[in-house]
C-alpha atoms as a PDB file:
ATOM      1  CA  UNK A   1     -73.178 209.682 198.658  1.00  0.00           C
ATOM      2  CA  UNK A   2     -72.383 205.968 198.386  1.00  0.00           C
ATOM      3  CA  UNK A   3     -70.423 204.178 201.108  1.00  0.00           C
ATOM      4  CA  UNK A   4     -68.879 200.812 200.293  1.00  0.00           C
ATOM      5  CA  UNK A   5     -67.789 198.615 203.189  1.00  0.00           C
ATOM      6  CA  UNK A   6     -65.466 195.647 202.739  1.00  0.00           C
ATOM      7  CA  UNK A   7     -62.133 194.391 201.599  1.00  0.00           C
ATOM      8  CA  UNK A   8     -59.561 195.549 199.119  1.00  0.00           C
ATOM      9  CA  UNK A   9     -57.075 192.817 198.300  1.00  0.00           C
ATOM     10  CA  UNK A  10     -54.638 191.450 195.758  1.00  0.00           C
ATOM     11  CA  UNK A  11     -55.765 188.594 193.522  1.00  0.00           C
ATOM     12  CA  UNK A  12     -52.938 186.432 192.185  1.00  0.00           C
ATOM     13  CA  UNK A  13     -54.135 185.550 188.695  1.00  0.00           C
ATOM     14  CA  UNK A  14     -52.440 182.565 186.951  1.00  0.00           C
ATOM     15  CA  UNK A  15     -51.030 183.335 183.509  1.00  0.00           C
ATOM     16  CA  UNK A  16     -51.936 180.186 181.541  1.00  0.00           C
ATOM     17  CA  UNK A  17     -49.294 180.556 178.825  1.00  0.00           C
ATOM     18  CA  UNK A  18     -46.382 181.171 181.181  1.00  0.00           C
ATOM     19  CA  UNK A  19     -45.528 177.483 181.839  1.00  0.00           C
ATOM     20  CA  UNK A  20     -46.055 174.098 180.240  1.00  0.00           C
ATOM     21  CA  UNK A  21     -47.460 172.823 183.539  1.00  0.00           C
ATOM     22  CA  UNK A  22     -50.504 174.917 184.583  1.00  0.00           C
ATOM     23  CA  UNK A  23     -49.597 174.307 188.225  1.00  0.00           C
ATOM     24  CA  UNK A  24     -46.353 176.215 187.638  1.00  0.00           C
ATOM     25  CA  UNK A  25     -47.908 179.165 185.817  1.00  0.00           C
ATOM     26  CA  UNK A  26     -46.723 182.617 186.800  1.00  0.00           C
ATOM     27  CA  UNK A  27     -49.053 184.625 189.011  1.00  0.00           C
ATOM     28  CA  UNK A  28     -49.927 188.222 188.153  1.00  0.00           C
ATOM     29  CA  UNK A  29     -50.980 190.483 191.058  1.00  0.00           C
ATOM     30  CA  UNK A  30     -54.279 192.241 190.359  1.00  0.00           C
ATOM     31  CA  UNK A  31     -55.946 194.884 192.500  1.00  0.00           C
ATOM     32  CA  UNK A  32     -59.355 193.661 193.557  1.00  0.00           C
ATOM     33  CA  UNK A  33     -61.807 192.469 196.149  1.00  0.00           C
ATOM     34  CA  UNK A  34     -65.547 192.612 195.480  1.00  0.00           C
ATOM     35  CA  UNK A  35     -66.301 195.769 197.513  1.00  0.00           C
ATOM     36  CA  UNK A  36     -63.169 197.471 196.168  1.00  0.00           C
ATOM     37  CA  UNK A  37     -64.293 196.815 192.586  1.00  0.00           C
ATOM     38  CA  UNK A  38     -67.807 198.068 193.366  1.00  0.00           C
ATOM     39  CA  UNK A  39     -66.399 201.339 194.713  1.00  0.00           C
ATOM     40  CA  UNK A  40     -64.231 201.829 191.621  1.00  0.00           C
ATOM     41  CA  UNK A  41     -67.117 201.002 189.264  1.00  0.00           C
ATOM     42  CA  UNK A  42     -69.439 203.557 190.868  1.00  0.00           C
ATOM     43  CA  UNK A  43     -66.741 206.240 191.050  1.00  0.00           C
ATOM     44  CA  UNK A  44     -65.777 205.808 187.398  1.00  0.00           C
ATOM     45  CA  UNK A  45     -69.366 206.656 186.513  1.00  0.00           C
ATOM     46  CA  UNK A  46     -69.221 209.900 188.459  1.00  0.00           C
ATOM     47  CA  UNK A  47     -70.702 208.887 191.803  1.00  0.00           C
ATOM     48  CA  UNK A  48     -69.398 210.302 195.072  1.00  0.00           C
ATOM     49  CA  UNK A  49     -68.016 207.210 196.833  1.00  0.00           C
ATOM     50  CA  UNK A  50     -66.386 206.476 200.186  1.00  0.00           C
ATOM     51  CA  UNK A  51     -64.594 203.175 200.792  1.00  0.00           C
ATOM     52  CA  UNK A  52     -64.395 201.816 204.341  1.00  0.00           C
ATOM     53  CA  UNK A  53     -61.784 199.113 204.788  1.00  0.00           C
ATOM     54  CA  UNK A  54     -58.476 198.112 206.319  1.00  0.00           C
ATOM     55  CA  UNK A  55     -55.538 198.017 203.943  1.00  0.00           C
ATOM     56  CA  UNK A  56     -52.058 196.642 204.556  1.00  0.00           C
ATOM     57  CA  UNK A  57     -49.064 198.942 204.964  1.00  0.00           C
ATOM     58  CA  UNK A  58     -46.913 197.140 202.369  1.00  0.00           C
ATOM     59  CA  UNK A  59     -46.472 197.916 198.683  1.00  0.00           C
ATOM     60  CA  UNK A  60     -49.678 196.073 197.793  1.00  0.00           C
ATOM     61  CA  UNK A  61     -51.676 198.149 200.277  1.00  0.00           C
ATOM     62  CA  UNK A  62     -50.097 201.315 198.889  1.00  0.00           C
ATOM     63  CA  UNK A  63     -51.089 200.291 195.371  1.00  0.00           C
ATOM     64  CA  UNK A  64     -54.674 199.677 196.477  1.00  0.00           C
ATOM     65  CA  UNK A  65     -54.877 203.075 198.179  1.00  0.00           C
ATOM     66  CA  UNK A  66     -53.214 204.852 195.251  1.00  0.00           C
ATOM     67  CA  UNK A  67     -55.725 203.467 192.780  1.00  0.00           C
ATOM     68  CA  UNK A  68     -58.678 204.474 194.923  1.00  0.00           C
ATOM     69  CA  UNK A  69     -57.353 208.028 195.103  1.00  0.00           C
ATOM     70  CA  UNK A  70     -56.762 208.051 191.356  1.00  0.00           C
ATOM     71  CA  UNK A  71     -60.344 206.900 190.762  1.00  0.00           C
ATOM     72  CA  UNK A  72     -61.718 209.619 193.042  1.00  0.00           C
ATOM     73  CA  UNK A  73     -62.856 207.291 195.846  1.00  0.00           C
ATOM     74  CA  UNK A  74     -62.730 208.893 199.334  1.00  0.00           C
ATOM     75  CA  UNK A  75     -61.387 207.928 202.770  1.00  0.00           C
ATOM     76  CA  UNK A  76     -59.358 204.798 202.091  1.00  0.00           C
ATOM     77  CA  UNK A  77     -57.729 204.249 205.504  1.00  0.00           C
ATOM     78  CA  UNK A  78     -55.432 201.314 206.225  1.00  0.00           C
ATOM     79  CA  UNK A  79     -56.450 201.133 209.890  1.00  0.00           C
ATOM     80  CA  UNK A  80     -60.086 202.193 209.711  1.00  0.00           C
ATOM     81  CA  UNK A  81     -62.621 200.735 212.106  1.00  0.00           C
ATOM     82  CA  UNK A  82     -65.979 200.405 210.328  1.00  0.00           C
ATOM     83  CA  UNK A  83     -68.427 203.047 211.486  1.00  0.00           C
ATOM     84  CA  UNK A  84     -71.866 204.140 210.367  1.00  0.00           C
ATOM     85  CA  UNK A  85     -70.821 207.269 208.485  1.00  0.00           C
ATOM     86  CA  UNK A  86     -73.774 209.202 206.993  1.00  0.00           C
ATOM     87  CA  UNK A  87     -74.608 208.009 203.466  1.00  0.00           C
ATOM     88  CA  UNK A  88     -77.588 207.734 201.161  1.00  0.00           C
ATOM     89  CA  UNK A  89     -76.592 204.268 199.932  1.00  0.00           C
ATOM     90  CA  UNK A  90     -74.331 201.689 201.604  1.00  0.00           C
ATOM     91  CA  UNK A  91     -73.040 198.422 200.182  1.00  0.00           C
ATOM     92  CA  UNK A  92     -71.653 195.380 202.016  1.00  0.00           C
ATOM     93  CA  UNK A  93     -70.472 191.912 201.078  1.00  0.00           C
ATOM     94  CA  UNK A  94     -67.900 189.267 200.173  1.00  0.00           C
ATOM     95  CA  UNK A  95     -65.108 188.203 202.563  1.00  0.00           C
ATOM     96  CA  UNK A  96     -65.618 191.108 204.940  1.00  0.00           C
ATOM     97  CA  UNK A  97     -68.976 189.652 205.992  1.00  0.00           C
ATOM     98  CA  UNK A  98     -67.628 186.117 206.224  1.00  0.00           C
ATOM     99  CA  UNK A  99     -64.623 186.333 208.557  1.00  0.00           C
ATOM    100  CA  UNK A 100     -64.600 187.496 212.160  1.00  0.00           C
ATOM    101  CA  UNK A 101     -64.001 189.767 213.904  1.00  0.00           C
ATOM    102  CA  UNK A 102     -64.698 192.016 210.912  1.00  0.00           C
ATOM    103  CA  UNK A 103     -67.985 190.368 209.908  1.00  0.00           C
ATOM    104  CA  UNK A 104     -69.703 191.163 213.190  1.00  0.00           C
ATOM    105  CA  UNK A 105     -68.502 194.765 213.090  1.00  0.00           C
ATOM    106  CA  UNK A 106     -69.651 195.307 209.521  1.00  0.00           C
ATOM    107  CA  UNK A 107     -73.020 193.716 210.349  1.00  0.00           C
ATOM    108  CA  UNK A 108     -73.445 196.131 213.248  1.00  0.00           C
ATOM    109  CA  UNK A 109     -72.780 199.065 210.913  1.00  0.00           C
ATOM    110  CA  UNK A 110     -75.212 197.645 208.340  1.00  0.00           C
ATOM    111  CA  UNK A 111     -78.014 197.449 210.889  1.00  0.00           C
ATOM    112  CA  UNK A 112     -77.273 200.915 212.233  1.00  0.00           C
ATOM    113  CA  UNK A 113     -77.293 202.530 208.800  1.00  0.00           C
ATOM    114  CA  UNK A 114     -80.501 200.745 207.855  1.00  0.00           C
ATOM    115  CA  UNK A 115     -82.186 202.019 211.012  1.00  0.00           C
ATOM    116  CA  UNK A 116     -81.169 205.562 210.087  1.00  0.00           C
ATOM    117  CA  UNK A 117     -82.837 205.290 206.654  1.00  0.00           C
ATOM    118  CA  UNK A 118     -79.816 204.498 204.482  1.00  0.00           C
ATOM    119  CA  UNK A 119     -80.556 202.196 201.549  1.00  0.00           C
ATOM    120  CA  UNK A 120     -78.598 198.977 202.108  1.00  0.00           C
ATOM    121  CA  UNK A 121     -77.293 196.817 199.262  1.00  0.00           C
ATOM    122  CA  UNK A 122     -75.826 193.376 199.912  1.00  0.00           C
ATOM    123  CA  UNK A 123     -73.631 191.367 197.530  1.00  0.00           C
ATOM    124  CA  UNK A 124     -72.646 188.151 199.363  1.00  0.00           C
ATOM    125  CA  UNK A 125     -70.211 186.915 196.672  1.00  0.00           C
ATOM    126  CA  UNK A 126     -70.160 183.437 198.180  1.00  0.00           C
ATOM    127  CA  UNK A 127     -66.787 181.677 197.982  1.00  0.00           C
ATOM    128  CA  UNK A 128     -66.106 177.966 198.654  1.00  0.00           C
ATOM    129  CA  UNK A 129     -64.173 178.803 201.826  1.00  0.00           C
ATOM    130  CA  UNK A 130     -67.261 180.270 203.482  1.00  0.00           C
ATOM    131  CA  UNK A 131     -70.131 178.506 201.711  1.00  0.00           C
ATOM    132  CA  UNK A 132     -71.339 177.105 205.044  1.00  0.00           C
ATOM    133  CA  UNK A 133     -74.688 176.773 206.741  1.00  0.00           C
ATOM    134  CA  UNK A 134     -73.526 179.113 209.504  1.00  0.00           C
ATOM    135  CA  UNK A 135     -72.678 181.839 206.988  1.00  0.00           C
ATOM    136  CA  UNK A 136     -75.987 181.308 205.186  1.00  0.00           C
ATOM    137  CA  UNK A 137     -77.898 181.806 208.433  1.00  0.00           C
ATOM    138  CA  UNK A 138     -75.823 184.882 209.255  1.00  0.00           C
ATOM    139  CA  UNK A 139     -76.616 186.460 205.881  1.00  0.00           C
ATOM    140  CA  UNK A 140     -80.301 185.582 206.177  1.00  0.00           C
ATOM    141  CA  UNK A 141     -80.370 187.394 209.521  1.00  0.00           C
ATOM    142  CA  UNK A 142     -79.270 190.577 207.729  1.00  0.00           C
ATOM    143  CA  UNK A 143     -81.968 190.535 205.043  1.00  0.00           C
ATOM    144  CA  UNK A 144     -84.627 192.396 207.070  1.00  0.00           C
ATOM    145  CA  UNK A 145     -82.219 195.369 206.977  1.00  0.00           C
ATOM    146  CA  UNK A 146     -81.420 195.086 203.243  1.00  0.00           C
ATOM    147  CA  UNK A 147     -83.224 196.699 200.301  1.00  0.00           C
ATOM    148  CA  UNK A 148     -81.220 195.398 197.311  1.00  0.00           C
ATOM    149  CA  UNK A 149     -79.774 191.882 197.312  1.00  0.00           C
ATOM    150  CA  UNK A 150     -77.560 190.958 194.351  1.00  0.00           C
ATOM    151  CA  UNK A 151     -76.870 187.292 193.677  1.00  0.00           C
ATOM    152  CA  UNK A 152     -75.678 184.927 190.997  1.00  0.00           C
ATOM    153  CA  UNK A 153     -77.796 181.945 189.982  1.00  0.00           C
ATOM    154  CA  UNK A 154     -75.524 179.693 192.039  1.00  0.00           C
ATOM    155  CA  UNK A 155     -75.922 181.900 195.100  1.00  0.00           C
ATOM    156  CA  UNK A 156     -79.703 181.694 194.891  1.00  0.00           C
ATOM    157  CA  UNK A 157     -79.280 177.922 195.053  1.00  0.00           C
ATOM    158  CA  UNK A 158     -76.904 178.310 198.027  1.00  0.00           C
ATOM    159  CA  UNK A 159     -79.713 180.007 199.929  1.00  0.00           C
ATOM    160  CA  UNK A 160     -82.197 177.307 198.952  1.00  0.00           C
ATOM    161  CA  UNK A 161     -84.135 179.298 196.367  1.00  0.00           C
ATOM    162  CA  UNK A 162     -85.784 182.708 196.311  1.00  0.00           C
ATOM    163  CA  UNK A 163     -88.449 181.584 198.767  1.00  0.00           C
ATOM    164  CA  UNK A 164     -85.801 181.751 201.492  1.00  0.00           C
ATOM    165  CA  UNK A 165     -84.963 185.338 200.513  1.00  0.00           C
ATOM    166  CA  UNK A 166     -88.444 186.835 200.887  1.00  0.00           C
ATOM    167  CA  UNK A 167     -87.222 189.348 203.481  1.00  0.00           C
ATOM    168  CA  UNK A 168     -85.290 191.234 200.776  1.00  0.00           C
ATOM    169  CA  UNK A 169     -87.617 193.639 198.881  1.00  0.00           C
ATOM    170  CA  UNK A 170     -85.442 193.609 195.740  1.00  0.00           C
ATOM    171  CA  UNK A 171     -83.390 190.701 194.374  1.00  0.00           C
ATOM    172  CA  UNK A 172     -81.187 191.256 191.329  1.00  0.00           C
ATOM    173  CA  UNK A 173     -79.799 188.033 189.875  1.00  0.00           C
ATOM    174  CA  UNK A 174     -76.972 187.788 187.358  1.00  0.00           C
ATOM    175  CA  UNK A 175     -77.266 185.087 184.696  1.00  0.00           C
ATOM    176  CA  UNK A 176     -73.900 185.415 182.968  1.00  0.00           C
ATOM    177  CA  UNK A 177     -74.256 185.888 179.239  1.00  0.00           C
ATOM    178  CA  UNK A 178     -78.031 185.568 179.508  1.00  0.00           C
ATOM    179  CA  UNK A 179     -78.402 188.889 181.305  1.00  0.00           C
ATOM    180  CA  UNK A 180     -79.994 190.132 184.516  1.00  0.00           C
ATOM    181  CA  UNK A 181     -83.230 189.545 186.374  1.00  0.00           C
ATOM    182  CA  UNK A 182     -84.983 191.566 189.065  1.00  0.00           C
ATOM    183  CA  UNK A 183     -87.705 190.395 191.417  1.00  0.00           C
ATOM    184  CA  UNK A 184     -89.707 192.691 193.686  1.00  0.00           C
ATOM    185  CA  UNK A 185     -93.030 192.304 195.475  1.00  0.00           C
ATOM    186  CA  UNK A 186     -94.872 193.539 192.381  1.00  0.00           C
ATOM    187  CA  UNK A 187     -92.845 192.446 189.354  1.00  0.00           C
ATOM    188  CA  UNK A 188     -90.316 190.116 187.789  1.00  0.00           C
ATOM    189  CA  UNK A 189     -88.260 191.275 184.812  1.00  0.00           C
ATOM    190  CA  UNK A 190     -85.419 189.878 182.704  1.00  0.00           C
ATOM    191  CA  UNK A 191     -83.025 191.934 180.590  1.00  0.00           C
ATOM    192  CA  UNK A 192     -80.586 190.299 178.113  1.00  0.00           C
ATOM    193  CA  UNK A 193     -76.861 191.023 177.994  1.00  0.00           C
ATOM    194  CA  UNK A 194     -75.414 192.806 174.953  1.00  0.00           C
ATOM    195  CA  UNK A 195     -73.331 190.613 172.664  1.00  0.00           C
ATOM    196  CA  UNK A 196     -69.620 190.960 173.413  1.00  0.00           C
ATOM    197  CA  UNK A 197     -66.360 189.123 172.797  1.00  0.00           C
ATOM    198  CA  UNK A 198     -65.511 188.048 176.337  1.00  0.00           C
ATOM    199  CA  UNK A 199     -61.895 188.574 177.357  1.00  0.00           C
ATOM    200  CA  UNK A 200     -62.278 188.278 181.133  1.00  0.00           C
ATOM    201  CA  UNK A 201     -65.294 188.023 183.447  1.00  0.00           C
ATOM    202  CA  UNK A 202     -63.458 189.261 186.557  1.00  0.00           C
ATOM    203  CA  UNK A 203     -65.356 192.179 188.050  1.00  0.00           C
ATOM    204  CA  UNK A 204     -68.481 191.823 185.907  1.00  0.00           C
ATOM    205  CA  UNK A 205     -70.810 191.246 188.847  1.00  0.00           C
ATOM    206  CA  UNK A 206     -69.126 194.031 190.809  1.00  0.00           C
ATOM    207  CA  UNK A 207     -69.693 196.338 187.837  1.00  0.00           C
ATOM    208  CA  UNK A 208     -73.398 195.466 187.901  1.00  0.00           C
ATOM    209  CA  UNK A 209     -73.585 196.394 191.572  1.00  0.00           C
ATOM    210  CA  UNK A 210     -71.516 199.566 191.239  1.00  0.00           C
ATOM    211  CA  UNK A 211     -73.607 200.718 188.284  1.00  0.00           C
ATOM    212  CA  UNK A 212     -76.877 199.982 190.061  1.00  0.00           C
ATOM    213  CA  UNK A 213     -75.752 201.904 193.140  1.00  0.00           C
ATOM    214  CA  UNK A 214     -74.733 204.862 190.991  1.00  0.00           C
ATOM    215  CA  UNK A 215     -78.129 204.914 189.260  1.00  0.00           C
ATOM    216  CA  UNK A 216     -80.024 204.682 192.548  1.00  0.00           C
ATOM    217  CA  UNK A 217     -77.912 207.390 194.153  1.00  0.00           C
ATOM    218  CA  UNK A 218     -78.113 209.723 191.137  1.00  0.00           C
ATOM    219  CA  UNK A 219     -81.907 209.435 191.155  1.00  0.00           C
ATOM    220  CA  UNK A 220     -82.060 210.158 194.894  1.00  0.00           C
ATOM    221  CA  UNK A 221     -84.124 207.037 195.581  1.00  0.00           C
ATOM    222  CA  UNK A 222     -84.736 205.796 199.097  1.00  0.00           C
ATOM    223  CA  UNK A 223     -85.454 202.208 200.202  1.00  0.00           C
ATOM    224  CA  UNK A 224     -89.232 202.392 199.733  1.00  0.00           C
ATOM    225  CA  UNK A 225     -88.898 204.093 196.341  1.00  0.00           C
ATOM    226  CA  UNK A 226     -86.491 201.467 195.017  1.00  0.00           C
ATOM    227  CA  UNK A 227     -88.710 198.648 196.286  1.00  0.00           C
ATOM    228  CA  UNK A 228     -91.670 200.232 194.488  1.00  0.00           C
ATOM    229  CA  UNK A 229     -90.046 200.979 191.123  1.00  0.00           C
ATOM    230  CA  UNK A 230     -92.038 199.975 188.065  1.00  0.00           C
ATOM    231  CA  UNK A 231     -91.131 197.832 185.098  1.00  0.00           C
ATOM    232  CA  UNK A 232     -89.954 200.659 182.824  1.00  0.00           C
ATOM    233  CA  UNK A 233     -87.595 202.073 185.447  1.00  0.00           C
ATOM    234  CA  UNK A 234     -86.114 198.663 186.202  1.00  0.00           C
ATOM    235  CA  UNK A 235     -85.695 197.836 182.536  1.00  0.00           C
ATOM    236  CA  UNK A 236     -83.734 201.022 181.928  1.00  0.00           C
ATOM    237  CA  UNK A 237     -81.518 200.506 184.972  1.00  0.00           C
ATOM    238  CA  UNK A 238     -80.797 196.850 184.265  1.00  0.00           C
ATOM    239  CA  UNK A 239     -80.005 197.587 180.630  1.00  0.00           C
ATOM    240  CA  UNK A 240     -77.421 200.114 181.802  1.00  0.00           C
ATOM    241  CA  UNK A 241     -75.998 197.601 184.294  1.00  0.00           C
ATOM    242  CA  UNK A 242     -75.804 194.898 181.619  1.00  0.00           C
ATOM    243  CA  UNK A 243     -74.083 197.268 179.189  1.00  0.00           C
ATOM    244  CA  UNK A 244     -71.523 198.228 181.834  1.00  0.00           C
ATOM    245  CA  UNK A 245     -70.799 194.591 182.696  1.00  0.00           C
ATOM    246  CA  UNK A 246     -70.374 193.743 179.005  1.00  0.00           C
ATOM    247  CA  UNK A 247     -67.727 196.443 178.655  1.00  0.00           C
ATOM    248  CA  UNK A 248     -65.911 195.070 181.699  1.00  0.00           C
ATOM    249  CA  UNK A 249     -65.970 191.579 180.175  1.00  0.00           C
ATOM    250  CA  UNK A 250     -64.517 192.898 176.922  1.00  0.00           C
ATOM    251  CA  UNK A 251     -61.157 193.724 178.534  1.00  0.00           C
ATOM    252  CA  UNK A 252     -58.712 192.042 180.868  1.00  0.00           C
ATOM    253  CA  UNK A 253     -58.966 192.587 184.591  1.00  0.00           C
ATOM    254  CA  UNK A 254     -61.660 194.334 186.598  1.00  0.00           C
ATOM    255  CA  UNK A 255     -61.792 197.477 184.467  1.00  0.00           C
ATOM    256  CA  UNK A 256     -65.321 198.906 184.652  1.00  0.00           C
ATOM    257  CA  UNK A 257     -66.389 201.579 182.183  1.00  0.00           C
ATOM    258  CA  UNK A 258     -66.589 205.306 182.684  1.00  0.00           C
ATOM    259  CA  UNK A 259     -69.840 207.184 182.280  1.00  0.00           C
ATOM    260  CA  UNK A 260     -68.635 208.441 178.893  1.00  0.00           C
ATOM    261  CA  UNK A 261     -68.090 204.880 177.692  1.00  0.00           C
ATOM    262  CA  UNK A 262     -71.661 204.030 178.605  1.00  0.00           C
ATOM    263  CA  UNK A 263     -72.882 206.870 176.441  1.00  0.00           C
END
């Protein structure tokens, strides 16, 4: 069982060809939010997934909840208070860990689940609005409770380099079209991305995380086992993650692949 904690929201995506002046371009509502996309990505590949969030009661909130149900994701509750529900794998990140009072509550759940033996994955998804020193220190305080930390190249720089992230046993870094990299205490490995005609990169990183969580959960791996995986196991997992992200990039919107599409 995978539990994903965080926000589901509506992205307003500018349509570049809808106006001569880009500032006046029409906005298209798109279902999203980093944790929301991670939950959908894992569920589409057959994982058993619960999503813990608060959703609005308007039409947008209804659309978010409807899609989760359609994708087979469990317990989407508009008024949920985050709690440490039993799970093998739990994922946190993005805005939900940046804005109070939610951030403190989610952090409490993260620590509680980690103490109970749940494998914790963290995907900070740093945005300009919370790229602050205070948020950096807050995230660093969570790393002793985290097994898998997923970052972009830019986010590694935000933290001041990998030396500052030594408390995380596993760091997976996305390098755009150049692929993925993993660093553990015993190895460092890079895997290239498959060639693809990129239509949209929205949701690519979330697809990487959702796919990785699905693979870890399907294999029944605990925190120590994931931290101790060898080069062959990591290569196979990262190749699958890269293939999934490439499919997402080949179509508009955050539309991660199904397990059948991955072959």
